[in-house]
Amino acid sequence: MVASGAALVVFLLADYADHVAPNVARKCRRWYTSELDGLDEDHAQELAAGLQRSIDDCSIDRYARQLFAALRSEKDFSCLVEYDGGEFYPRPDERQFVDQFVGEVQRFVGFLLSSKGFQII
């Protein structure tokens, strides 16, 4: 099963949050559903700090490169495929993927820092 683009980003962010800050990320037990689970403001801030540390120390790069390799090995993984003029073709650029992944995590950090906590609806 291939997730939609937005759902895929949430799944990847949830998995990365669990990798970086498992004690905080696991306070939200239902990342993958719409059951109004989430994090309160203090835990959102704590998660943001952990994610930002991984960006600052560049450990996110290693994770993203490994993720790229794993996703690329999946036969039907559409996030690594682009559509152009009637044809699908693989996106071979690891650096582009890593940069986009880091950018999405940075956006999530910004969201967490500006929020009063969140619920997944």
Protein backbone atom coordinates (compact mmCIF):
# COMPACT_ATOMS: atom_id res chain seq x y z
CA MET A 1 0.00 0.00 0.00
CA VAL A 2 1.32 3.44 -0.91
CA ALA A 3 0.35 6.34 1.32
CA SER A 4 -0.71 9.69 -0.09
CA GLY A 5 1.92 12.42 -0.06
CA ALA A 6 0.63 14.23 3.05
CA ALA A 7 0.05 11.00 4.97
CA LEU A 8 3.49 9.77 3.97
CA VAL A 9 5.12 12.92 5.35
CA VAL A 10 3.27 12.45 8.67
CA PHE A 11 4.38 8.80 8.82
CA LEU A 12 8.00 9.70 8.10
CA LEU A 13 7.96 12.54 10.64
CA ALA A 14 6.37 10.31 13.28
CA ASP A 15 8.97 7.59 12.69
CA TYR A 16 11.79 10.11 12.85
CA ALA A 17 10.39 11.72 16.00
CA ASP A 18 10.28 8.27 17.58
CA HIS A 19 13.87 7.66 16.49
CA VAL A 20 15.15 10.97 17.90
CA ALA A 21 13.03 11.40 21.03
CA PRO A 22 11.21 8.14 21.76
CA ASN A 23 10.16 9.05 25.29
CA VAL A 24 8.41 12.19 24.06
CA ALA A 25 7.13 10.91 20.70
CA ARG A 26 5.52 7.87 22.30
CA LYS A 27 3.31 10.12 24.43
CA CYS A 28 1.34 10.48 21.19
CA ARG A 29 0.31 6.86 20.71
CA ARG A 30 -1.79 7.33 17.58
CA TRP A 31 0.31 9.27 15.07
CA TYR A 32 -1.20 7.28 12.21
CA THR A 33 -4.89 7.75 12.98
CA SER A 34 -7.36 10.59 13.43
CA GLU A 35 -8.24 9.87 17.04
CA LEU A 36 -7.46 13.30 18.52
CA ASP A 37 -4.21 12.10 20.05
CA GLY A 38 -1.32 14.54 20.22
CA LEU A 39 1.15 16.29 22.48
CA ASP A 40 0.63 19.03 25.01
CA GLU A 41 2.65 22.25 24.76
CA ASP A 42 5.51 21.10 27.01
CA HIS A 43 5.96 17.83 25.14
CA ALA A 44 5.71 19.59 21.76
CA GLN A 45 8.50 21.95 22.85
CA GLU A 46 10.60 19.02 24.10
CA LEU A 47 10.14 17.17 20.80
CA ALA A 48 11.05 20.31 18.85
CA ALA A 49 14.28 20.61 20.86
CA GLY A 50 15.22 17.00 20.16
CA LEU A 51 14.51 17.32 16.45
CA GLN A 52 16.44 20.59 16.24
CA ARG A 53 19.44 18.99 17.97
CA SER A 54 19.45 16.28 15.29
CA ILE A 55 19.53 18.99 12.62
CA ASP A 56 22.24 20.97 14.39
CA ASP A 57 24.52 17.95 14.89
CA CYS A 58 23.75 16.64 11.36
CA SER A 59 22.70 13.20 12.61
CA ILE A 60 19.53 13.71 10.56
CA ASP A 61 21.63 13.42 7.39
CA ARG A 62 22.71 9.86 8.13
CA TYR A 63 19.13 8.89 8.99
CA ALA A 64 17.77 10.49 5.79
CA ARG A 65 20.38 8.77 3.60
CA GLN A 66 19.48 5.40 5.13
CA LEU A 67 15.79 6.18 4.67
CA PHE A 68 16.40 7.09 1.03
CA ALA A 69 18.12 3.75 0.42
CA ALA A 70 15.32 1.84 2.14
CA LEU A 71 12.57 3.68 0.28
CA ARG A 72 14.34 3.35 -3.03
CA SER A 73 14.47 -0.42 -2.61
CA GLU A 74 10.65 -0.52 -2.40
CA LYS A 75 9.17 -1.38 -5.79
CA ASP A 76 5.97 0.71 -5.53
CA PHE A 77 7.15 3.65 -3.46
CA SER A 78 5.73 6.70 -5.22
CA CYS A 79 7.47 9.33 -3.07
CA LEU A 80 10.65 8.56 -5.02
CA VAL A 81 8.94 8.82 -8.39
CA GLU A 82 8.19 11.94 -10.36
CA TYR A 83 5.63 12.42 -13.13
CA ASP A 84 6.62 14.32 -16.22
CA GLY A 85 4.61 14.59 -19.42
CA GLY A 86 2.88 11.25 -19.25
CA GLU A 87 5.82 9.24 -17.91
CA PHE A 88 6.90 8.21 -14.45
CA TYR A 89 10.61 8.04 -13.72
CA PRO A 90 12.66 7.45 -10.58
CA ARG A 91 14.13 10.42 -8.79
CA PRO A 92 17.75 9.33 -8.34
CA ASP A 93 19.07 12.29 -6.36
CA GLU A 94 19.83 11.28 -2.77
CA ARG A 95 20.98 14.79 -1.81
CA GLN A 96 17.68 16.28 -2.98
CA PHE A 97 15.76 13.74 -0.90
CA VAL A 98 17.92 14.41 2.18
CA ASP A 99 17.50 18.17 1.79
CA GLN A 100 13.72 17.81 1.43
CA PHE A 101 13.54 15.52 4.47
CA VAL A 102 15.56 17.96 6.58
CA GLY A 103 13.33 20.79 5.34
CA GLU A 104 10.16 18.92 6.37
CA VAL A 105 11.61 18.19 9.81
CA GLN A 106 12.59 21.86 10.15
CA ARG A 107 9.03 22.89 9.22
CA PHE A 108 7.71 20.46 11.84
CA VAL A 109 10.06 21.98 14.42
CA GLY A 110 8.68 25.43 13.54
CA PHE A 111 5.14 24.14 13.94
CA LEU A 112 5.94 22.52 17.30
CA LEU A 113 7.62 25.70 18.62
CA SER A 114 4.72 27.92 17.58
CA SER A 115 1.94 25.61 18.76
CA LYS A 116 0.34 25.21 22.14
CA GLY A 117 0.50 21.49 21.55
CA PHE A 118 -1.48 19.63 18.90
CA GLN A 119 -4.07 17.00 18.22
CA ILE A 120 -4.16 14.83 15.15
CA ILE A 121 -7.63 15.13 13.63
